[in-house]
Protein backbone atom coordinates (compact mmCIF):
# COMPACT_ATOMS: atom_id res chain seq x y z
CA UNK A 1 8.56 -34.87 -10.66
CA UNK A 2 8.78 -38.59 -9.95
CA UNK A 3 11.17 -40.58 -12.09
CA UNK A 4 9.28 -42.21 -14.93
CA UNK A 5 6.26 -39.90 -14.56
CA UNK A 6 5.10 -38.81 -18.03
CA UNK A 7 4.61 -35.12 -18.63
CA UNK A 8 3.56 -32.93 -21.53
CA UNK A 9 5.86 -30.21 -22.70
CA UNK A 10 6.68 -28.09 -25.71
CA UNK A 11 10.33 -28.80 -26.43
CA UNK A 12 12.62 -26.61 -28.53
CA UNK A 13 11.50 -26.75 -32.18
CA UNK A 14 8.98 -29.49 -31.30
CA UNK A 15 5.22 -29.18 -31.87
CA UNK A 16 3.04 -29.23 -28.71
CA UNK A 17 1.90 -32.79 -29.50
CA UNK A 18 5.33 -34.12 -28.57
CA UNK A 19 5.39 -35.91 -25.25
CA UNK A 20 8.50 -36.81 -23.29
CA UNK A 21 8.24 -39.93 -21.17
CA UNK A 22 10.77 -40.70 -18.46
CA UNK A 23 13.65 -38.42 -17.50
CA UNK A 24 14.14 -35.53 -19.92
CA UNK A 25 17.88 -35.97 -20.25
CA UNK A 26 17.98 -35.41 -23.99
CA UNK A 27 20.39 -32.78 -25.22
CA UNK A 28 18.91 -29.81 -27.07
CA UNK A 29 19.42 -29.84 -30.82
CA UNK A 30 22.32 -27.59 -31.71
CA UNK A 31 21.53 -24.60 -33.89
CA UNK A 32 22.99 -24.28 -37.37
CA UNK A 33 24.16 -26.88 -39.84
CA UNK A 34 22.33 -30.14 -40.37
CA UNK A 35 20.91 -30.05 -36.84
CA UNK A 36 19.27 -26.64 -37.19
CA UNK A 37 15.68 -25.83 -38.20
CA UNK A 38 14.63 -27.27 -41.52
CA UNK A 39 15.16 -24.92 -44.44
CA UNK A 40 12.75 -24.33 -47.29
CA UNK A 41 14.89 -26.50 -49.56
CA UNK A 42 14.88 -29.32 -47.01
CA UNK A 43 11.11 -29.13 -46.62
CA UNK A 44 10.68 -29.37 -50.38
CA UNK A 45 13.11 -32.29 -50.44
CA UNK A 46 11.12 -34.06 -47.73
CA UNK A 47 7.94 -33.62 -49.75
CA UNK A 48 9.59 -34.99 -52.90
CA UNK A 49 10.86 -37.99 -50.95
CA UNK A 50 7.42 -38.66 -49.47
CA UNK A 51 5.79 -38.47 -52.91
CA UNK A 52 8.38 -40.89 -54.32
CA UNK A 53 7.82 -43.30 -51.43
CA UNK A 54 4.02 -43.06 -51.65
CA UNK A 55 4.03 -43.72 -55.39
CA UNK A 56 6.50 -46.59 -55.16
CA UNK A 57 4.58 -48.14 -52.26
CA UNK A 58 1.21 -48.13 -54.03
CA UNK A 59 2.88 -49.34 -57.23
CA UNK A 60 4.46 -52.28 -55.38
CA UNK A 61 1.00 -53.46 -54.38
CA UNK A 62 -0.04 -53.34 -58.03
CA UNK A 63 3.12 -55.23 -58.99
CA UNK A 64 2.18 -58.00 -56.59
CA UNK A 65 -1.31 -58.22 -58.07
CA UNK A 66 0.26 -58.36 -61.56
CA UNK A 67 2.64 -61.17 -60.60
CA UNK A 68 5.80 -59.07 -60.87
CA UNK A 69 6.64 -59.67 -57.19
CA UNK A 70 5.20 -62.41 -54.96
CA UNK A 71 4.69 -60.33 -51.83
CA UNK A 72 5.04 -56.91 -50.25
CA UNK A 73 4.44 -55.17 -46.90
CA UNK A 74 2.74 -51.81 -47.57
CA UNK A 75 3.42 -48.64 -45.59
CA UNK A 76 0.64 -46.34 -46.78
CA UNK A 77 0.22 -43.63 -44.13
CA UNK A 78 3.65 -44.14 -42.59
CA UNK A 79 5.63 -42.05 -45.08
CA UNK A 80 6.29 -39.19 -42.64
CA UNK A 81 7.60 -41.52 -39.95
CA UNK A 82 9.94 -43.30 -42.34
CA UNK A 83 11.16 -40.40 -44.44
CA UNK A 84 11.53 -38.12 -41.42
CA UNK A 85 13.58 -40.58 -39.38
CA UNK A 86 15.70 -41.71 -42.32
CA UNK A 87 16.44 -38.07 -43.14
CA UNK A 88 18.21 -37.65 -39.79
CA UNK A 89 20.73 -40.44 -40.43
CA UNK A 90 24.39 -39.57 -41.01
CA UNK A 91 25.38 -42.22 -43.55
CA UNK A 92 29.08 -41.55 -42.95
CA UNK A 93 28.95 -43.10 -39.48
CA UNK A 94 25.47 -44.33 -38.47
CA UNK A 95 23.83 -47.65 -39.30
CA UNK A 96 20.16 -48.47 -39.80
CA UNK A 97 18.56 -51.82 -38.98
CA UNK A 98 15.18 -52.19 -40.74
CA UNK A 99 12.32 -54.63 -40.70
CA UNK A 100 10.55 -55.70 -43.88
CA UNK A 101 8.48 -52.48 -44.02
CA UNK A 102 11.12 -49.72 -44.20
CA UNK A 103 11.16 -49.07 -47.92
CA UNK A 104 10.67 -45.37 -47.20
CA UNK A 105 13.74 -45.29 -44.98
CA UNK A 106 15.83 -47.04 -47.63
CA UNK A 107 14.67 -44.64 -50.34
CA UNK A 108 15.44 -41.64 -48.13
CA UNK A 109 18.95 -42.96 -47.48
CA UNK A 110 19.61 -43.30 -51.19
CA UNK A 111 19.62 -47.11 -51.37
CA UNK A 112 19.22 -48.53 -54.87
CA UNK A 113 15.55 -49.45 -55.01
CA UNK A 114 15.91 -52.28 -57.51
CA UNK A 115 18.48 -53.91 -55.24
CA UNK A 116 16.22 -53.27 -52.25
CA UNK A 117 13.13 -54.73 -53.93
CA UNK A 118 15.01 -57.89 -54.90
CA UNK A 119 13.89 -59.34 -51.58
CA UNK A 120 10.23 -58.76 -52.46
CA UNK A 121 10.96 -60.29 -55.86
CA UNK A 122 12.26 -63.33 -53.93
CA UNK A 123 15.51 -63.01 -55.86
CA UNK A 124 17.70 -62.49 -52.84
CA UNK A 125 17.16 -62.62 -49.08
CA UNK A 126 17.83 -59.27 -47.41
CA UNK A 127 18.40 -57.22 -50.56
CA UNK A 128 21.10 -57.08 -53.22
CA UNK A 129 22.42 -53.70 -52.04
CA UNK A 130 25.72 -53.45 -50.13
CA UNK A 131 24.91 -52.89 -46.42
CA UNK A 132 28.36 -51.49 -45.61
CA UNK A 133 28.20 -48.89 -48.36
CA UNK A 134 24.55 -47.95 -47.91
CA UNK A 135 24.62 -48.14 -44.08
CA UNK A 136 21.36 -50.10 -44.20
CA UNK A 137 21.46 -53.60 -42.77
CA UNK A 138 19.77 -56.41 -44.73
CA UNK A 139 15.98 -56.48 -44.58
CA UNK A 140 14.94 -58.42 -41.48
CA UNK A 141 11.86 -60.64 -41.67
CA UNK A 142 12.17 -61.99 -38.11
CA UNK A 143 9.91 -59.91 -35.88
CA UNK A 144 12.11 -57.76 -33.59
CA UNK A 145 15.26 -59.48 -34.87
CA UNK A 146 16.78 -56.25 -36.15
CA UNK A 147 16.57 -54.71 -32.67
CA UNK A 148 19.13 -57.15 -31.27
CA UNK A 149 21.44 -56.61 -34.23
CA UNK A 150 21.29 -52.85 -33.75
CA UNK A 151 22.24 -53.03 -30.09
CA UNK A 152 25.16 -55.32 -30.85
CA UNK A 153 26.48 -52.92 -33.49
CA UNK A 154 25.93 -49.92 -31.20
CA UNK A 155 27.76 -51.59 -28.32
CA UNK A 156 30.65 -52.13 -30.70
CA UNK A 157 30.78 -48.36 -31.20
CA UNK A 158 31.26 -47.78 -27.48
CA UNK A 159 33.95 -50.46 -27.29
CA UNK A 160 35.79 -48.90 -30.22
CA UNK A 161 35.58 -45.40 -28.74
CA UNK A 162 36.79 -46.47 -25.31
CA UNK A 163 36.36 -43.85 -22.59
CA UNK A 164 36.06 -40.90 -24.99
CA UNK A 165 32.69 -40.91 -26.75
CA UNK A 166 33.32 -37.48 -28.25
CA UNK A 167 36.25 -38.61 -30.39
CA UNK A 168 35.84 -37.48 -34.02
CA UNK A 169 32.56 -35.73 -33.29
CA UNK A 170 30.82 -38.49 -31.38
CA UNK A 171 29.73 -42.08 -31.70
CA UNK A 172 28.12 -43.75 -34.66
CA UNK A 173 24.47 -44.38 -33.78
CA UNK A 174 22.31 -47.39 -34.60
CA UNK A 175 18.72 -46.67 -35.64
CA UNK A 176 16.44 -49.67 -35.40
CA UNK A 177 12.80 -50.01 -36.38
CA UNK A 178 9.97 -52.13 -35.06
CA UNK A 179 6.22 -51.91 -34.66
CA UNK A 180 3.85 -51.84 -31.74
CA UNK A 181 3.25 -55.55 -32.25
CA UNK A 182 6.96 -56.38 -32.19
CA UNK A 183 7.34 -54.43 -28.95
CA UNK A 184 5.71 -57.39 -27.18
CA UNK A 185 8.57 -59.69 -28.16
CA UNK A 186 11.09 -60.71 -25.52
CA UNK A 187 13.93 -59.71 -27.85
CA UNK A 188 12.91 -56.06 -27.45
CA UNK A 189 13.14 -56.28 -23.66
CA UNK A 190 16.58 -57.88 -23.82
CA UNK A 191 17.81 -55.35 -26.35
CA UNK A 192 16.58 -52.32 -24.42
CA UNK A 193 17.88 -53.58 -21.11
CA UNK A 194 21.32 -54.35 -22.52
CA UNK A 195 21.48 -51.04 -24.39
CA UNK A 196 20.55 -49.05 -21.30
CA UNK A 197 22.99 -50.89 -19.02
CA UNK A 198 25.85 -50.50 -21.49
CA UNK A 199 24.81 -47.02 -22.67
CA UNK A 200 24.86 -48.21 -26.25
CA UNK A 201 24.26 -45.44 -28.81
CA UNK A 202 21.03 -46.75 -30.30
CA UNK A 203 17.70 -45.12 -31.16
CA UNK A 204 14.73 -47.48 -30.91
CA UNK A 205 12.16 -46.20 -33.41
CA UNK A 206 8.67 -47.63 -32.93
CA UNK A 207 6.12 -47.04 -35.66
CA UNK A 208 2.91 -47.48 -33.74
CA UNK A 209 0.53 -47.88 -36.66
CA UNK A 210 -2.35 -49.05 -34.50
CA UNK A 211 -2.31 -52.69 -35.51
CA UNK A 212 -0.26 -55.81 -34.79
CA UNK A 213 -1.46 -57.51 -37.98
CA UNK A 214 -5.13 -58.03 -37.03
CA UNK A 215 -4.91 -57.08 -33.34
CA UNK A 216 -5.34 -53.42 -32.30
CA UNK A 217 -2.62 -51.88 -30.14
CA UNK A 218 -4.83 -51.55 -27.05
CA UNK A 219 -5.30 -55.33 -26.97
CA UNK A 220 -1.61 -56.23 -27.03
CA UNK A 221 0.38 -53.32 -25.50
CA UNK A 222 -0.06 -53.16 -21.74
CA UNK A 223 -0.54 -49.58 -20.63
CA UNK A 224 -1.35 -48.44 -24.15
CA UNK A 225 2.05 -46.89 -24.82
CA UNK A 226 5.37 -48.36 -25.89
CA UNK A 227 7.15 -45.13 -24.95
CA UNK A 228 6.09 -45.48 -21.32
CA UNK A 229 8.12 -48.68 -21.02
CA UNK A 230 11.37 -46.79 -21.52
CA UNK A 231 11.31 -45.50 -17.95
CA UNK A 232 11.73 -49.07 -16.74
CA UNK A 233 15.07 -49.20 -18.52
CA UNK A 234 16.18 -45.76 -17.36
CA UNK A 235 16.13 -44.30 -20.86
CA UNK A 236 14.31 -41.22 -22.16
CA UNK A 237 11.51 -41.56 -24.67
CA UNK A 238 9.66 -39.34 -27.08
CA UNK A 239 6.11 -40.05 -28.18
CA UNK A 240 5.55 -37.96 -31.29
CA UNK A 241 3.04 -37.28 -34.04
CA UNK A 242 4.35 -39.74 -36.60
CA UNK A 243 2.30 -38.15 -39.38
CA UNK A 244 4.15 -34.83 -39.04
CA UNK A 245 7.41 -35.24 -40.96
CA UNK A 246 8.95 -32.11 -39.40
CA UNK A 247 8.27 -33.39 -35.89
CA UNK A 248 9.78 -36.74 -36.83
CA UNK A 249 12.98 -35.21 -38.23
CA UNK A 250 13.48 -33.00 -35.18
CA UNK A 251 12.75 -35.75 -32.66
CA UNK A 252 15.09 -38.18 -34.40
CA UNK A 253 17.86 -35.59 -34.59
CA UNK A 254 17.49 -34.89 -30.89
CA UNK A 255 17.65 -38.58 -30.07
CA UNK A 256 20.73 -38.99 -32.26
CA UNK A 257 22.48 -36.10 -30.50
CA UNK A 258 21.79 -37.72 -27.14
CA UNK A 259 23.10 -41.14 -28.16
CA UNK A 260 26.06 -39.75 -30.12
CA UNK A 261 27.33 -37.92 -27.04
CA UNK A 262 27.61 -41.19 -25.11
CA UNK A 263 24.44 -40.78 -23.04
CA UNK A 264 22.92 -44.10 -24.06
CA UNK A 265 19.77 -45.16 -25.92
CA UNK A 266 16.53 -43.31 -26.67
CA UNK A 267 13.08 -44.66 -27.55
CA UNK A 268 10.90 -42.83 -30.07
CA UNK A 269 7.28 -43.87 -30.50
CA UNK A 270 5.85 -42.36 -33.69
CA UNK A 271 2.08 -42.48 -33.56
CA UNK A 272 0.74 -43.14 -37.04
CA UNK A 273 -1.79 -45.43 -38.73
CA UNK A 274 -1.59 -48.34 -41.14
CA UNK A 275 -3.97 -47.34 -43.94
CA UNK A 276 -4.08 -50.73 -45.59
CA UNK A 277 -3.23 -54.39 -45.09
CA UNK A 278 -0.37 -55.76 -43.04
CA UNK A 279 0.90 -57.38 -46.21
CA UNK A 280 -0.41 -58.21 -49.66
CA UNK A 281 -1.54 -61.55 -48.19
CA UNK A 282 -3.69 -59.82 -45.57
CA UNK A 283 -7.36 -58.86 -45.76
CA UNK A 284 -7.96 -56.01 -43.27
CA UNK A 285 -11.68 -56.23 -43.97
CA UNK A 286 -11.77 -59.30 -41.72
CA UNK A 287 -10.91 -57.28 -38.60
CA UNK A 288 -11.90 -53.66 -39.30
CA UNK A 289 -14.34 -51.80 -41.54
CA UNK A 290 -13.51 -49.11 -44.07
CA UNK A 291 -15.31 -46.60 -41.85
CA UNK A 292 -13.11 -47.59 -38.90
CA UNK A 293 -10.04 -47.18 -41.08
CA UNK A 294 -11.12 -43.72 -42.24
CA UNK A 295 -11.96 -42.59 -38.70
CA UNK A 296 -8.72 -43.89 -37.21
CA UNK A 297 -6.32 -42.81 -39.93
CA UNK A 298 -6.53 -39.06 -39.35
CA UNK A 299 -4.98 -36.57 -41.77
CA UNK A 300 -2.87 -37.85 -44.65
CA UNK A 301 0.80 -37.10 -43.80
CA UNK A 302 1.56 -36.18 -47.40
CA UNK A 303 -1.36 -33.77 -47.61
CA UNK A 304 -0.39 -32.25 -44.26
CA UNK A 305 3.06 -31.35 -45.56
CA UNK A 306 1.60 -30.09 -48.83
CA UNK A 307 -0.70 -27.70 -46.99
CA UNK A 308 2.17 -26.51 -44.82
CA UNK A 309 4.34 -25.75 -47.85
CA UNK A 310 1.49 -23.85 -49.48
CA UNK A 311 0.67 -21.89 -46.32
CA UNK A 312 4.31 -20.90 -45.83
CA UNK A 313 4.75 -19.96 -49.48
CA UNK A 314 7.52 -22.53 -49.89
CA UNK A 315 6.03 -24.40 -52.85
CA UNK A 316 3.37 -23.99 -55.53
CA UNK A 317 1.28 -26.26 -57.71
CA UNK A 318 4.04 -26.43 -60.32
CA UNK A 319 6.41 -27.86 -57.73
CA UNK A 320 3.90 -30.50 -56.64
CA UNK A 321 3.26 -31.52 -60.25
CA UNK A 322 6.98 -31.80 -60.88
CA UNK A 323 7.48 -33.94 -57.76
CA UNK A 324 4.72 -36.33 -58.86
CA UNK A 325 6.10 -36.58 -62.38
CA UNK A 326 9.55 -37.40 -61.02
CA UNK A 327 8.03 -40.08 -58.76
CA UNK A 328 6.22 -41.69 -61.70
CA UNK A 329 9.37 -41.71 -63.82
CA UNK A 330 11.34 -43.25 -60.98
CA UNK A 331 8.71 -45.93 -60.43
CA UNK A 332 8.83 -46.90 -64.09
CA UNK A 333 12.61 -47.24 -63.96
CA UNK A 334 12.44 -49.37 -60.81
CA UNK A 335 9.72 -51.62 -62.23
CA UNK A 336 11.79 -52.22 -65.36
CA UNK A 337 14.81 -53.07 -63.23
CA UNK A 338 12.85 -55.49 -61.07
CA UNK A 339 11.44 -57.31 -64.06
CA UNK A 340 14.96 -57.71 -65.44
CA UNK A 341 16.23 -59.42 -62.29
CA UNK A 342 17.12 -63.02 -62.96
CA UNK A 343 17.43 -65.95 -60.61
CA UNK A 344 20.51 -66.16 -58.41
CA UNK A 345 22.78 -69.24 -58.60
CA UNK A 346 21.43 -71.90 -56.29
CA UNK A 347 24.91 -72.69 -54.96
CA UNK A 348 24.93 -69.35 -53.11
CA UNK A 349 22.80 -70.87 -50.39
CA UNK A 350 25.81 -72.98 -49.45
CA UNK A 351 28.64 -70.64 -50.39
CA UNK A 352 27.63 -67.79 -48.08
CA UNK A 353 26.75 -69.63 -44.86
CA UNK A 354 30.15 -69.72 -43.18
CA UNK A 355 33.47 -68.06 -43.86
CA UNK A 356 34.98 -71.53 -43.91
CA UNK A 357 32.77 -74.39 -45.03
CA UNK A 358 32.12 -77.54 -43.01
CA UNK A 359 31.98 -81.22 -44.06
CA UNK A 360 28.24 -81.32 -43.38
CA UNK A 361 27.63 -78.26 -45.53
CA UNK A 362 29.80 -79.66 -48.30
CA UNK A 363 27.76 -82.87 -48.25
CA UNK A 364 24.50 -80.91 -48.46
CA UNK A 365 25.85 -78.90 -51.39
CA UNK A 366 26.90 -82.06 -53.21
CA UNK A 367 23.47 -83.61 -52.69
CA UNK A 368 21.77 -80.45 -53.93
CA UNK A 369 23.89 -80.33 -57.07
CA UNK A 370 23.20 -83.98 -57.79
CA UNK A 371 19.44 -83.55 -57.38
CA UNK A 372 19.05 -80.11 -58.96
CA UNK A 373 21.84 -79.86 -61.54
CA UNK A 374 22.40 -83.60 -62.06
CA UNK A 375 26.16 -83.33 -61.60
């Protein structure tokens, strides 16, 4: 097989839809423990997480319409990609670098959702949660900006480990998210090239939801696949069914095992579909019809998992009703917390710029206080 030639294959514990692009140098997922096949309890947990994310996501859109938050980036249809990948993170040593659309990842990692949503409330830039404790970097609004941050952090892991990447069970791994639209940014090329050259332990997770705002993927991704680009950087890639949460968990775990062992970066392209607007300021009816959306969206990832649990006898209607009730109660608690958020002190915009202030910044702060606080 020629290097970089894509091939189809059924990998261990992977569904047949999984495609490996580039050299298949990924390590097999070890059996047993957290890396083994998903248990019945884990599958039920994944469903509960997806229900919570779905309900919170649709509620956030309503909150924006009600004036509770000024803006939000929905993720309807991407719950499996986000919950599945976030579920594979080891929060004792890994670090996640999100965009503005990874609410599902944050919820899966156990981040406080009121603190997370403070950015959408415009109370605080990047979220009020503690990134070091949660292992989730601040929300990144710059397209592809989080990819560079992830590679920098991951390279730091290799520098700290020195020549022995297997010390203490392996390297901490950076997981960074971006979309098919962001993959056209130059920052992504620089990040992937640097990561591959330096063998940085980073997993590039692309949620290909079919649209770069109003432009379909085929009009802005040369070759039609982001995963195919990985061969140019000498890194393996997995193109997976992003609506199958089990496939997402297993692919992400496999990528983590590869990077953790010191073998360098991996690219995962999760094929999914954005079932709504790019943001609450977007009108998707201007560039696609409802019929096109229904035809392109495919099966609902939440319903797919529900049917799997029923078919395998893992859950019943009582479980599903309980999961929905828990999601509704959680949403109510989060909404109450968001509404209680007050404004942050305006001086913070000057206090948190540099570790040591500068004369210019001090002058700006003095001018601001004089104009805003009349002191």
